[in-house]
Amino acid sequence: MKYTVLRPHQGDKWYGEGAAREARETEVQHLVDRGVLAKAEPAPRNKAVKAPRTKSAT
């Protein structure tokens, strides 16, 4: 699972604020509980982008 670092900390390496971190949920649950990590939100989909039109549709 992907997480966003809210506060700098040292895990298997140094993680600065705003960095992305991938880890198992059970291994970092204590960091989530203490507000060091937050689950990364998926990028919002752009609903304004339409599917390309095909030749048969024109």
PDB file of N, CA and C in Angstrom:
ATOM      1  N   MET A   1       0.840  -1.156   0.000  1.00  0.00           N
ATOM      2  CA  MET A   1       0.000   0.000   0.000  1.00  0.00           C
ATOM      3  C   MET A   1       0.901   1.240   0.000  1.00  0.00           C
ATOM      4  N   LYS A   2       0.425   2.302  -0.608  1.00  0.00           N
ATOM      5  CA  LYS A   2       1.202   3.531  -0.699  1.00  0.00           C
ATOM      6  C   LYS A   2       0.764   4.513   0.376  1.00  0.00           C
ATOM      7  N   TYR A   3       1.761   5.203   0.934  1.00  0.00           N
ATOM      8  CA  TYR A   3       1.539   6.180   1.994  1.00  0.00           C
ATOM      9  C   TYR A   3       2.257   7.475   1.644  1.00  0.00           C
ATOM     10  N   THR A   4       1.758   8.562   2.185  1.00  0.00           N
ATOM     11  CA  THR A   4       2.401   9.866   2.080  1.00  0.00           C
ATOM     12  C   THR A   4       2.972  10.209   3.445  1.00  0.00           C
ATOM     13  N   VAL A   5       4.215  10.676   3.469  1.00  0.00           N
ATOM     14  CA  VAL A   5       4.885  11.004   4.723  1.00  0.00           C
ATOM     15  C   VAL A   5       4.448  12.399   5.170  1.00  0.00           C
ATOM     16  N   LEU A   6       3.885  12.495   6.372  1.00  0.00           N
ATOM     17  CA  LEU A   6       3.432  13.767   6.928  1.00  0.00           C
ATOM     18  C   LEU A   6       4.503  14.406   7.810  1.00  0.00           C
ATOM     19  N   ARG A   7       5.308  13.581   8.489  1.00  0.00           N
ATOM     20  CA  ARG A   7       6.405  14.063   9.329  1.00  0.00           C
ATOM     21  C   ARG A   7       7.648  13.252   9.004  1.00  0.00           C
ATOM     22  N   PRO A   8       8.818  13.904   8.912  1.00  0.00           N
ATOM     23  CA  PRO A   8      10.048  13.169   8.613  1.00  0.00           C
ATOM     24  C   PRO A   8      10.327  12.088   9.662  1.00  0.00           C
ATOM     25  N   HIS A   9      10.821  10.948   9.193  1.00  0.00           N
ATOM     26  CA  HIS A   9      11.179   9.860  10.104  1.00  0.00           C
ATOM     27  C   HIS A   9      12.165   8.935   9.412  1.00  0.00           C
ATOM     28  N   GLN A  10      12.767   8.072  10.206  1.00  0.00           N
ATOM     29  CA  GLN A  10      13.695   7.092   9.663  1.00  0.00           C
ATOM     30  C   GLN A  10      13.091   5.716   9.821  1.00  0.00           C
ATOM     31  N   GLY A  11      12.922   5.033   8.701  1.00  0.00           N
ATOM     32  CA  GLY A  11      12.433   3.661   8.699  1.00  0.00           C
ATOM     33  C   GLY A  11      13.558   2.795   8.179  1.00  0.00           C
ATOM     34  N   ASP A  12      13.313   2.101   7.063  1.00  0.00           N
ATOM     35  CA  ASP A  12      14.402   1.361   6.437  1.00  0.00           C
ATOM     36  C   ASP A  12      15.391   2.322   5.777  1.00  0.00           C
ATOM     37  N   LYS A  13      14.962   3.561   5.559  1.00  0.00           N
ATOM     38  CA  LYS A  13      15.811   4.660   5.091  1.00  0.00           C
ATOM     39  C   LYS A  13      15.172   5.951   5.592  1.00  0.00           C
ATOM     40  N   TRP A  14      15.778   7.093   5.305  1.00  0.00           N
ATOM     41  CA  TRP A  14      15.241   8.374   5.761  1.00  0.00           C
ATOM     42  C   TRP A  14      14.106   8.814   4.835  1.00  0.00           C
ATOM     43  N   TYR A  15      12.968   9.207   5.404  1.00  0.00           N
ATOM     44  CA  TYR A  15      11.821   9.691   4.653  1.00  0.00           C
ATOM     45  C   TYR A  15      11.541  11.126   5.067  1.00  0.00           C
ATOM     46  N   GLY A  16      11.562  12.031   4.089  1.00  0.00           N
ATOM     47  CA  GLY A  16      11.270  13.428   4.364  1.00  0.00           C
ATOM     48  C   GLY A  16       9.787  13.716   4.195  1.00  0.00           C
ATOM     49  N   GLU A  17       9.381  14.869   4.653  1.00  0.00           N
ATOM     50  CA  GLU A  17       7.984  15.272   4.566  1.00  0.00           C
ATOM     51  C   GLU A  17       7.548  15.356   3.107  1.00  0.00           C
ATOM     52  N   GLY A  18       6.394  14.780   2.778  1.00  0.00           N
ATOM     53  CA  GLY A  18       5.856  14.801   1.424  1.00  0.00           C
ATOM     54  C   GLY A  18       6.321  13.655   0.550  1.00  0.00           C
ATOM     55  N   ALA A  19       7.232  12.832   1.031  1.00  0.00           N
ATOM     56  CA  ALA A  19       7.731  11.704   0.245  1.00  0.00           C
ATOM     57  C   ALA A  19       6.665  10.611   0.157  1.00  0.00           C
ATOM     58  N   ALA A  20       6.788   9.787  -0.860  1.00  0.00           N
ATOM     59  CA  ALA A  20       5.899   8.639  -1.005  1.00  0.00           C
ATOM     60  C   ALA A  20       6.608   7.417  -0.444  1.00  0.00           C
ATOM     61  N   ARG A  21       5.865   6.584   0.244  1.00  0.00           N
ATOM     62  CA  ARG A  21       6.445   5.384   0.830  1.00  0.00           C
ATOM     63  C   ARG A  21       5.503   4.220   0.572  1.00  0.00           C
ATOM     64  N   GLU A  22       6.071   3.097   0.194  1.00  0.00           N
ATOM     65  CA  GLU A  22       5.269   1.901  -0.003  1.00  0.00           C
ATOM     66  C   GLU A  22       5.659   0.885   1.062  1.00  0.00           C
ATOM     67  N   ALA A  23       4.668   0.360   1.776  1.00  0.00           N
ATOM     68  CA  ALA A  23       4.923  -0.582   2.860  1.00  0.00           C
ATOM     69  C   ALA A  23       3.673  -1.405   3.109  1.00  0.00           C
ATOM     70  N   ARG A  24       3.858  -2.486   3.847  1.00  0.00           N
ATOM     71  CA  ARG A  24       2.707  -3.289   4.257  1.00  0.00           C
ATOM     72  C   ARG A  24       1.949  -2.546   5.344  1.00  0.00           C
ATOM     73  N   GLU A  25       0.645  -2.650   5.293  1.00  0.00           N
ATOM     74  CA  GLU A  25      -0.200  -1.924   6.242  1.00  0.00           C
ATOM     75  C   GLU A  25       0.085  -2.328   7.681  1.00  0.00           C
ATOM     76  N   THR A  26       0.323  -3.601   7.919  1.00  0.00           N
ATOM     77  CA  THR A  26       0.572  -4.066   9.287  1.00  0.00           C
ATOM     78  C   THR A  26       1.908  -3.575   9.830  1.00  0.00           C
ATOM     79  N   GLU A  27       2.881  -3.310   8.956  1.00  0.00           N
ATOM     80  CA  GLU A  27       4.198  -2.876   9.404  1.00  0.00           C
ATOM     81  C   GLU A  27       4.241  -1.398   9.786  1.00  0.00           C
ATOM     82  N   VAL A  28       3.360  -0.589   9.229  1.00  0.00           N
ATOM     83  CA  VAL A  28       3.413   0.850   9.479  1.00  0.00           C
ATOM     84  C   VAL A  28       2.157   1.388  10.170  1.00  0.00           C
ATOM     85  N   GLN A  29       1.316   0.511  10.674  1.00  0.00           N
ATOM     86  CA  GLN A  29       0.078   0.946  11.317  1.00  0.00           C
ATOM     87  C   GLN A  29       0.362   1.871  12.503  1.00  0.00           C
ATOM     88  N   HIS A  30       1.426   1.606  13.257  1.00  0.00           N
ATOM     89  CA  HIS A  30       1.763   2.465  14.392  1.00  0.00           C
ATOM     90  C   HIS A  30       2.132   3.871  13.932  1.00  0.00           C
ATOM     91  N   LEU A  31       2.707   4.006  12.742  1.00  0.00           N
ATOM     92  CA  LEU A  31       3.045   5.325  12.209  1.00  0.00           C
ATOM     93  C   LEU A  31       1.792   6.057  11.736  1.00  0.00           C
ATOM     94  N   VAL A  32       0.852   5.328  11.184  1.00  0.00           N
ATOM     95  CA  VAL A  32      -0.421   5.928  10.771  1.00  0.00           C
ATOM     96  C   VAL A  32      -1.184   6.398  12.004  1.00  0.00           C
ATOM     97  N   ASP A  33      -1.196   5.593  13.048  1.00  0.00           N
ATOM     98  CA  ASP A  33      -1.895   5.947  14.292  1.00  0.00           C
ATOM     99  C   ASP A  33      -1.320   7.210  14.932  1.00  0.00           C
ATOM    100  N   ARG A  34      -0.018   7.421  14.794  1.00  0.00           N
ATOM    101  CA  ARG A  34       0.643   8.583  15.400  1.00  0.00           C
ATOM    102  C   ARG A  34       0.691   9.793  14.480  1.00  0.00           C
ATOM    103  N   GLY A  35       0.146   9.683  13.274  1.00  0.00           N
ATOM    104  CA  GLY A  35       0.088  10.823  12.366  1.00  0.00           C
ATOM    105  C   GLY A  35       1.370  11.077  11.592  1.00  0.00           C
ATOM    106  N   VAL A  36       2.229  10.072  11.491  1.00  0.00           N
ATOM    107  CA  VAL A  36       3.475  10.221  10.738  1.00  0.00           C
ATOM    108  C   VAL A  36       3.220   9.919   9.257  1.00  0.00           C
ATOM    109  N   LEU A  37       2.354   8.956   8.991  1.00  0.00           N
ATOM    110  CA  LEU A  37       2.011   8.568   7.622  1.00  0.00           C
ATOM    111  C   LEU A  37       0.511   8.701   7.402  1.00  0.00           C
ATOM    112  N   ALA A  38       0.135   8.900   6.139  1.00  0.00           N
ATOM    113  CA  ALA A  38      -1.274   8.907   5.744  1.00  0.00           C
ATOM    114  C   ALA A  38      -1.395   8.087   4.473  1.00  0.00           C
ATOM    115  N   LYS A  39      -2.496   7.391   4.334  1.00  0.00           N
ATOM    116  CA  LYS A  39      -2.715   6.619   3.117  1.00  0.00           C
ATOM    117  C   LYS A  39      -2.766   7.567   1.930  1.00  0.00           C
ATOM    118  N   ALA A  40      -2.058   7.211   0.875  1.00  0.00           N
ATOM    119  CA  ALA A  40      -2.019   8.050  -0.317  1.00  0.00           C
ATOM    120  C   ALA A  40      -3.349   7.950  -1.049  1.00  0.00           C
ATOM    121  N   GLU A  41      -3.867   9.080  -1.429  1.00  0.00           N
ATOM    122  CA  GLU A  41      -5.118   9.133  -2.184  1.00  0.00           C
ATOM    123  C   GLU A  41      -4.809   8.931  -3.667  1.00  0.00           C
ATOM    124  N   PRO A  42      -5.623   8.168  -4.369  1.00  0.00           N
ATOM    125  CA  PRO A  42      -5.401   8.036  -5.812  1.00  0.00           C
ATOM    126  C   PRO A  42      -5.644   9.372  -6.513  1.00  0.00           C
ATOM    127  N   ALA A  43      -4.958   9.579  -7.607  1.00  0.00           N
ATOM    128  CA  ALA A  43      -5.112  10.822  -8.355  1.00  0.00           C
ATOM    129  C   ALA A  43      -6.543  10.921  -8.881  1.00  0.00           C
ATOM    130  N   PRO A  44      -7.172  12.081  -8.772  1.00  0.00           N
ATOM    131  CA  PRO A  44      -8.544  12.216  -9.251  1.00  0.00           C
ATOM    132  C   PRO A  44      -8.608  12.084 -10.768  1.00  0.00           C
ATOM    133  N   ARG A  45      -9.660  11.454 -11.223  1.00  0.00           N
ATOM    134  CA  ARG A  45      -9.834  11.293 -12.667  1.00  0.00           C
ATOM    135  C   ARG A  45     -10.411  12.570 -13.242  1.00  0.00           C
ATOM    136  N   ASN A  46      -9.958  12.939 -14.403  1.00  0.00           N
ATOM    137  CA  ASN A  46     -10.460  14.124 -15.084  1.00  0.00           C
ATOM    138  C   ASN A  46     -11.707  13.715 -15.854  1.00  0.00           C
ATOM    139  N   LYS A  47     -12.856  14.099 -15.354  1.00  0.00           N
ATOM    140  CA  LYS A  47     -14.114  13.693 -15.976  1.00  0.00           C
ATOM    141  C   LYS A  47     -14.393  14.478 -17.255  1.00  0.00           C
ATOM    142  N   ALA A  48     -13.653  15.555 -17.492  1.00  0.00           N
ATOM    143  CA  ALA A  48     -13.875  16.359 -18.684  1.00  0.00           C
ATOM    144  C   ALA A  48     -13.284  15.702 -19.928  1.00  0.00           C
ATOM    145  N   VAL A  49     -12.356  14.789 -19.746  1.00  0.00           N
ATOM    146  CA  VAL A  49     -11.718  14.131 -20.889  1.00  0.00           C
ATOM    147  C   VAL A  49     -12.657  13.055 -21.410  1.00  0.00           C
ATOM    148  N   LYS A  50     -12.970  13.145 -22.684  1.00  0.00           N
ATOM    149  CA  LYS A  50     -13.863  12.173 -23.306  1.00  0.00           C
ATOM    150  C   LYS A  50     -13.042  11.134 -24.061  1.00  0.00           C
ATOM    151  N   ALA A  51     -13.638   9.986 -24.287  1.00  0.00           N
ATOM    152  CA  ALA A  51     -12.988   8.942 -25.063  1.00  0.00           C
ATOM    153  C   ALA A  51     -12.871   9.422 -26.519  1.00  0.00           C
ATOM    154  N   PRO A  52     -11.793   9.017 -27.205  1.00  0.00           N
ATOM    155  CA  PRO A  52     -11.649   9.439 -28.596  1.00  0.00           C
ATOM    156  C   PRO A  52     -12.770   8.867 -29.462  1.00  0.00           C
ATOM    157  N   ARG A  53     -13.200   9.669 -30.412  1.00  0.00           N
ATOM    158  CA  ARG A  53     -14.256   9.208 -31.312  1.00  0.00           C
ATOM    159  C   ARG A  53     -13.661   8.287 -32.360  1.00  0.00           C
ATOM    160  N   THR A  54     -14.421   7.303 -32.738  1.00  0.00           N
ATOM    161  CA  THR A  54     -13.972   6.377 -33.777  1.00  0.00           C
ATOM    162  C   THR A  54     -14.463   6.861 -35.127  1.00  0.00           C
ATOM    163  N   LYS A  55     -13.901   6.322 -36.193  1.00  0.00           N
ATOM    164  CA  LYS A  55     -14.307   6.706 -37.535  1.00  0.00           C
ATOM    165  C   LYS A  55     -15.757   6.370 -37.810  1.00  0.00           C
ATOM    166  N   SER A  56     -16.230   5.275 -37.227  1.00  0.00           N
ATOM    167  CA  SER A  56     -17.608   4.862 -37.472  1.00  0.00           C
ATOM    168  C   SER A  56     -18.606   5.811 -36.808  1.00  0.00           C
ATOM    169  N   ALA A  57     -18.196   6.544 -35.816  1.00  0.00           N
ATOM    170  CA  ALA A  57     -19.096   7.433 -35.107  1.00  0.00           C
ATOM    171  C   ALA A  57     -19.243   8.787 -35.810  1.00  0.00           C
ATOM    172  N   THR A  58     -18.401   9.094 -36.776  1.00  0.00           N
ATOM    173  CA  THR A  58     -18.464  10.398 -37.456  1.00  0.00           C
ATOM    174  C   THR A  58     -19.340  10.359 -38.678  1.00  0.00           C
TER     175      THR A  58
END
